[in-house]
Amino acid sequence: MKWTDVLELAIALSETHPTIDPKTIRFTDLHRWVIELPGFSDDPKRSGEKILEAIQQAWIDEL
């Protein structure tokens, strides 16, 4: 998975962290959780606030 796989990342995060409310996540935690996902293979430094916001919103929408 890459940073641009927003929906796939959101689904993986919701499965990996089922008890977390994505509305309350700090971006530092979200960034760490994304790069720790199995199958994530992008450069950790390529993310930015817009990408993290998109992942967070997709996760909220998934719930």
PDB file of N, CA and C in Angstrom:
ATOM      1  N   MET A   1       0.837  -1.178   0.000  1.00  0.00           N
ATOM      2  CA  MET A   1       0.000   0.000   0.000  1.00  0.00           C
ATOM      3  C   MET A   1       0.885   1.245   0.000  1.00  0.00           C
ATOM      4  N   LYS A   2       0.370   2.260  -0.623  1.00  0.00           N
ATOM      5  CA  LYS A   2       1.049   3.552  -0.710  1.00  0.00           C
ATOM      6  C   LYS A   2       0.174   4.607  -0.042  1.00  0.00           C
ATOM      7  N   TRP A   3       0.722   5.797   0.163  1.00  0.00           N
ATOM      8  CA  TRP A   3      -0.033   6.894   0.780  1.00  0.00           C
ATOM      9  C   TRP A   3      -1.274   7.238  -0.029  1.00  0.00           C
ATOM     10  N   THR A   4      -1.226   7.028  -1.318  1.00  0.00           N
ATOM     11  CA  THR A   4      -2.356   7.377  -2.175  1.00  0.00           C
ATOM     12  C   THR A   4      -3.495   6.362  -2.101  1.00  0.00           C
ATOM     13  N   ASP A   5      -3.287   5.229  -1.470  1.00  0.00           N
ATOM     14  CA  ASP A   5      -4.325   4.201  -1.309  1.00  0.00           C
ATOM     15  C   ASP A   5      -5.176   4.511  -0.080  1.00  0.00           C
ATOM     16  N   VAL A   6      -5.789   5.678  -0.104  1.00  0.00           N
ATOM     17  CA  VAL A   6      -6.477   6.226   1.064  1.00  0.00           C
ATOM     18  C   VAL A   6      -7.551   5.282   1.596  1.00  0.00           C
ATOM     19  N   LEU A   7      -8.424   4.800   0.739  1.00  0.00           N
ATOM     20  CA  LEU A   7      -9.514   3.935   1.188  1.00  0.00           C
ATOM     21  C   LEU A   7      -8.993   2.609   1.733  1.00  0.00           C
ATOM     22  N   GLU A   8      -8.042   2.029   1.039  1.00  0.00           N
ATOM     23  CA  GLU A   8      -7.451   0.765   1.494  1.00  0.00           C
ATOM     24  C   GLU A   8      -6.771   0.944   2.854  1.00  0.00           C
ATOM     25  N   LEU A   9      -6.078   2.057   3.031  1.00  0.00           N
ATOM     26  CA  LEU A   9      -5.436   2.337   4.319  1.00  0.00           C
ATOM     27  C   LEU A   9      -6.479   2.517   5.413  1.00  0.00           C
ATOM     28  N   ALA A  10      -7.553   3.234   5.102  1.00  0.00           N
ATOM     29  CA  ALA A  10      -8.611   3.460   6.094  1.00  0.00           C
ATOM     30  C   ALA A  10      -9.249   2.143   6.526  1.00  0.00           C
ATOM     31  N   ILE A  11      -9.499   1.263   5.580  1.00  0.00           N
ATOM     32  CA  ILE A  11     -10.089  -0.044   5.903  1.00  0.00           C
ATOM     33  C   ILE A  11      -9.129  -0.853   6.783  1.00  0.00           C
ATOM     34  N   ALA A  12      -7.861  -0.856   6.408  1.00  0.00           N
ATOM     35  CA  ALA A  12      -6.869  -1.592   7.194  1.00  0.00           C
ATOM     36  C   ALA A  12      -6.755  -1.029   8.608  1.00  0.00           C
ATOM     37  N   LEU A  13      -6.800   0.277   8.735  1.00  0.00           N
ATOM     38  CA  LEU A  13      -6.726   0.900  10.060  1.00  0.00           C
ATOM     39  C   LEU A  13      -7.954   0.566  10.890  1.00  0.00           C
ATOM     40  N   SER A  14      -9.129   0.567  10.280  1.00  0.00           N
ATOM     41  CA  SER A  14     -10.338   0.247  11.039  1.00  0.00           C
ATOM     42  C   SER A  14     -10.333  -1.199  11.513  1.00  0.00           C
ATOM     43  N   GLU A  15      -9.707  -2.083  10.728  1.00  0.00           N
ATOM     44  CA  GLU A  15      -9.597  -3.489  11.132  1.00  0.00           C
ATOM     45  C   GLU A  15      -8.515  -3.677  12.189  1.00  0.00           C
ATOM     46  N   THR A  16      -7.454  -2.920  12.087  1.00  0.00           N
ATOM     47  CA  THR A  16      -6.330  -3.043  13.022  1.00  0.00           C
ATOM     48  C   THR A  16      -6.615  -2.374  14.365  1.00  0.00           C
ATOM     49  N   HIS A  17      -7.393  -1.289  14.329  1.00  0.00           N
ATOM     50  CA  HIS A  17      -7.698  -0.521  15.541  1.00  0.00           C
ATOM     51  C   HIS A  17      -9.218  -0.353  15.682  1.00  0.00           C
ATOM     52  N   PRO A  18      -9.932  -1.455  15.926  1.00  0.00           N
ATOM     53  CA  PRO A  18     -11.402  -1.393  15.932  1.00  0.00           C
ATOM     54  C   PRO A  18     -12.008  -0.575  17.072  1.00  0.00           C
ATOM     55  N   THR A  19     -11.281  -0.342  18.135  1.00  0.00           N
ATOM     56  CA  THR A  19     -11.838   0.389  19.274  1.00  0.00           C
ATOM     57  C   THR A  19     -11.524   1.886  19.235  1.00  0.00           C
ATOM     58  N   ILE A  20     -10.789   2.323  18.221  1.00  0.00           N
ATOM     59  CA  ILE A  20     -10.380   3.724  18.125  1.00  0.00           C
ATOM     60  C   ILE A  20     -11.434   4.532  17.377  1.00  0.00           C
ATOM     61  N   ASP A  21     -11.754   5.695  17.907  1.00  0.00           N
ATOM     62  CA  ASP A  21     -12.621   6.647  17.218  1.00  0.00           C
ATOM     63  C   ASP A  21     -11.716   7.524  16.355  1.00  0.00           C
ATOM     64  N   PRO A  22     -11.797   7.402  15.031  1.00  0.00           N
ATOM     65  CA  PRO A  22     -10.879   8.146  14.170  1.00  0.00           C
ATOM     66  C   PRO A  22     -11.021   9.663  14.270  1.00  0.00           C
ATOM     67  N   LYS A  23     -12.120  10.135  14.842  1.00  0.00           N
ATOM     68  CA  LYS A  23     -12.294  11.582  15.001  1.00  0.00           C
ATOM     69  C   LYS A  23     -11.365  12.148  16.069  1.00  0.00           C
ATOM     70  N   THR A  24     -10.848  11.293  16.939  1.00  0.00           N
ATOM     71  CA  THR A  24     -10.029  11.749  18.064  1.00  0.00           C
ATOM     72  C   THR A  24      -8.533  11.484  17.873  1.00  0.00           C
ATOM     73  N   ILE A  25      -8.146  11.061  16.705  1.00  0.00           N
ATOM     74  CA  ILE A  25      -6.750  10.674  16.462  1.00  0.00           C
ATOM     75  C   ILE A  25      -5.867  11.896  16.225  1.00  0.00           C
ATOM     76  N   ARG A  26      -4.693  11.846  16.803  1.00  0.00           N
ATOM     77  CA  ARG A  26      -3.663  12.844  16.478  1.00  0.00           C
ATOM     78  C   ARG A  26      -2.961  12.371  15.210  1.00  0.00           C
ATOM     79  N   PHE A  27      -2.574  13.302  14.365  1.00  0.00           N
ATOM     80  CA  PHE A  27      -1.926  12.926  13.109  1.00  0.00           C
ATOM     81  C   PHE A  27      -0.602  12.198  13.332  1.00  0.00           C
ATOM     82  N   THR A  28       0.077  12.481  14.424  1.00  0.00           N
ATOM     83  CA  THR A  28       1.326  11.761  14.698  1.00  0.00           C
ATOM     84  C   THR A  28       1.043  10.277  14.922  1.00  0.00           C
ATOM     85  N   ASP A  29      -0.047   9.970  15.630  1.00  0.00           N
ATOM     86  CA  ASP A  29      -0.422   8.566  15.838  1.00  0.00           C
ATOM     87  C   ASP A  29      -0.888   7.926  14.535  1.00  0.00           C
ATOM     88  N   LEU A  30      -1.699   8.654  13.780  1.00  0.00           N
ATOM     89  CA  LEU A  30      -2.199   8.131  12.512  1.00  0.00           C
ATOM     90  C   LEU A  30      -1.038   7.809  11.575  1.00  0.00           C
ATOM     91  N   HIS A  31      -0.090   8.690  11.494  1.00  0.00           N
ATOM     92  CA  HIS A  31       1.091   8.475  10.645  1.00  0.00           C
ATOM     93  C   HIS A  31       1.814   7.199  11.076  1.00  0.00           C
ATOM     94  N   ARG A  32       2.049   7.054  12.358  1.00  0.00           N
ATOM     95  CA  ARG A  32       2.755   5.878  12.872  1.00  0.00           C
ATOM     96  C   ARG A  32       1.983   4.604  12.566  1.00  0.00           C
ATOM     97  N   TRP A  33       0.664   4.626  12.785  1.00  0.00           N
ATOM     98  CA  TRP A  33      -0.155   3.434  12.544  1.00  0.00           C
ATOM     99  C   TRP A  33      -0.162   3.045  11.076  1.00  0.00           C
ATOM    100  N   VAL A  34      -0.171   4.033  10.192  1.00  0.00           N
ATOM    101  CA  VAL A  34      -0.153   3.727   8.755  1.00  0.00           C
ATOM    102  C   VAL A  34       1.152   3.040   8.384  1.00  0.00           C
ATOM    103  N   ILE A  35       2.279   3.603   8.797  1.00  0.00           N
ATOM    104  CA  ILE A  35       3.554   3.005   8.388  1.00  0.00           C
ATOM    105  C   ILE A  35       3.797   1.646   9.050  1.00  0.00           C
ATOM    106  N   GLU A  36       3.073   1.347  10.135  1.00  0.00           N
ATOM    107  CA  GLU A  36       3.191   0.054  10.798  1.00  0.00           C
ATOM    108  C   GLU A  36       2.273  -1.012  10.189  1.00  0.00           C
ATOM    109  N   LEU A  37       1.376  -0.614   9.290  1.00  0.00           N
ATOM    110  CA  LEU A  37       0.450  -1.577   8.694  1.00  0.00           C
ATOM    111  C   LEU A  37       1.201  -2.607   7.851  1.00  0.00           C
ATOM    112  N   PRO A  38       0.810  -3.875   7.976  1.00  0.00           N
ATOM    113  CA  PRO A  38       1.400  -4.885   7.084  1.00  0.00           C
ATOM    114  C   PRO A  38       1.032  -4.541   5.631  1.00  0.00           C
ATOM    115  N   GLY A  39       1.990  -4.602   4.770  1.00  0.00           N
ATOM    116  CA  GLY A  39       1.738  -4.297   3.371  1.00  0.00           C
ATOM    117  C   GLY A  39       1.982  -2.853   2.990  1.00  0.00           C
ATOM    118  N   PHE A  40       2.233  -1.989   3.974  1.00  0.00           N
ATOM    119  CA  PHE A  40       2.546  -0.597   3.646  1.00  0.00           C
ATOM    120  C   PHE A  40       3.994  -0.535   3.182  1.00  0.00           C
ATOM    121  N   SER A  41       4.206   0.039   1.999  1.00  0.00           N
ATOM    122  CA  SER A  41       5.554   0.012   1.429  1.00  0.00           C
ATOM    123  C   SER A  41       6.004   1.350   0.845  1.00  0.00           C
ATOM    124  N   ASP A  42       5.399   2.431   1.292  1.00  0.00           N
ATOM    125  CA  ASP A  42       5.765   3.753   0.772  1.00  0.00           C
ATOM    126  C   ASP A  42       6.766   4.417   1.716  1.00  0.00           C
ATOM    127  N   ASP A  43       7.345   5.487   1.244  1.00  0.00           N
ATOM    128  CA  ASP A  43       8.296   6.268   2.044  1.00  0.00           C
ATOM    129  C   ASP A  43       7.530   7.009   3.147  1.00  0.00           C
ATOM    130  N   PRO A  44       7.849   6.758   4.417  1.00  0.00           N
ATOM    131  CA  PRO A  44       7.143   7.429   5.510  1.00  0.00           C
ATOM    132  C   PRO A  44       7.186   8.952   5.434  1.00  0.00           C
ATOM    133  N   LYS A  45       8.196   9.501   4.790  1.00  0.00           N
ATOM    134  CA  LYS A  45       8.341  10.953   4.714  1.00  0.00           C
ATOM    135  C   LYS A  45       7.483  11.584   3.623  1.00  0.00           C
ATOM    136  N   ARG A  46       6.805  10.783   2.813  1.00  0.00           N
ATOM    137  CA  ARG A  46       6.015  11.315   1.705  1.00  0.00           C
ATOM    138  C   ARG A  46       4.615  11.742   2.114  1.00  0.00           C
ATOM    139  N   SER A  47       4.258  11.527   3.353  1.00  0.00           N
ATOM    140  CA  SER A  47       2.917  11.922   3.784  1.00  0.00           C
ATOM    141  C   SER A  47       2.907  13.401   4.158  1.00  0.00           C
ATOM    142  N   GLY A  48       1.711  13.933   4.207  1.00  0.00           N
ATOM    143  CA  GLY A  48       1.530  15.312   4.630  1.00  0.00           C
ATOM    144  C   GLY A  48       0.167  15.433   5.289  1.00  0.00           C
ATOM    145  N   GLU A  49      -0.133  16.630   5.725  1.00  0.00           N
ATOM    146  CA  GLU A  49      -1.391  16.851   6.432  1.00  0.00           C
ATOM    147  C   GLU A  49      -2.598  16.512   5.555  1.00  0.00           C
ATOM    148  N   LYS A  50      -2.541  16.855   4.276  1.00  0.00           N
ATOM    149  CA  LYS A  50      -3.673  16.571   3.388  1.00  0.00           C
ATOM    150  C   LYS A  50      -3.913  15.067   3.247  1.00  0.00           C
ATOM    151  N   ILE A  51      -2.867  14.300   3.113  1.00  0.00           N
ATOM    152  CA  ILE A  51      -3.010  12.852   2.986  1.00  0.00           C
ATOM    153  C   ILE A  51      -3.562  12.264   4.277  1.00  0.00           C
ATOM    154  N   LEU A  52      -3.026  12.698   5.409  1.00  0.00           N
ATOM    155  CA  LEU A  52      -3.500  12.179   6.690  1.00  0.00           C
ATOM    156  C   LEU A  52      -4.958  12.563   6.931  1.00  0.00           C
ATOM    157  N   GLU A  53      -5.339  13.777   6.540  1.00  0.00           N
ATOM    158  CA  GLU A  53      -6.743  14.187   6.662  1.00  0.00           C
ATOM    159  C   GLU A  53      -7.645  13.309   5.796  1.00  0.00           C
ATOM    160  N   ALA A  54      -7.189  13.004   4.590  1.00  0.00           N
ATOM    161  CA  ALA A  54      -7.974  12.162   3.683  1.00  0.00           C
ATOM    162  C   ALA A  54      -8.130  10.749   4.249  1.00  0.00           C
ATOM    163  N   ILE A  55      -7.063  10.210   4.822  1.00  0.00           N
ATOM    164  CA  ILE A  55      -7.136   8.881   5.428  1.00  0.00           C
ATOM    165  C   ILE A  55      -8.085   8.909   6.618  1.00  0.00           C
ATOM    166  N   GLN A  56      -7.958   9.920   7.459  1.00  0.00           N
ATOM    167  CA  GLN A  56      -8.835  10.045   8.623  1.00  0.00           C
ATOM    168  C   GLN A  56     -10.301  10.140   8.183  1.00  0.00           C
ATOM    169  N   GLN A  57     -10.593  10.946   7.182  1.00  0.00           N
ATOM    170  CA  GLN A  57     -11.973  11.101   6.720  1.00  0.00           C
ATOM    171  C   GLN A  57     -12.498   9.803   6.122  1.00  0.00           C
ATOM    172  N   ALA A  58     -11.679   9.102   5.382  1.00  0.00           N
ATOM    173  CA  ALA A  58     -12.103   7.818   4.819  1.00  0.00           C
ATOM    174  C   ALA A  58     -12.389   6.820   5.921  1.00  0.00           C
ATOM    175  N   TRP A  59     -11.595   6.845   6.979  1.00  0.00           N
ATOM    176  CA  TRP A  59     -11.812   5.955   8.121  1.00  0.00           C
ATOM    177  C   TRP A  59     -13.139   6.305   8.805  1.00  0.00           C
ATOM    178  N   ILE A  60     -13.396   7.579   8.992  1.00  0.00           N
ATOM    179  CA  ILE A  60     -14.669   8.023   9.586  1.00  0.00           C
ATOM    180  C   ILE A  60     -15.833   7.556   8.707  1.00  0.00           C
ATOM    181  N   ASP A  61     -15.690   7.726   7.398  1.00  0.00           N
ATOM    182  CA  ASP A  61     -16.744   7.320   6.477  1.00  0.00           C
ATOM    183  C   ASP A  61     -16.980   5.811   6.500  1.00  0.00           C
ATOM    184  N   GLU A  62     -15.928   5.038   6.713  1.00  0.00           N
ATOM    185  CA  GLU A  62     -16.050   3.582   6.776  1.00  0.00           C
ATOM    186  C   GLU A  62     -16.882   3.135   7.957  1.00  0.00           C
ATOM    187  N   LEU A  63     -16.811   3.885   9.052  1.00  0.00           N
ATOM    188  CA  LEU A  63     -17.569   3.512  10.233  1.00  0.00           C
ATOM    189  C   LEU A  63     -19.030   3.876  10.028  1.00  0.00           C
TER     190      LEU A  63
END
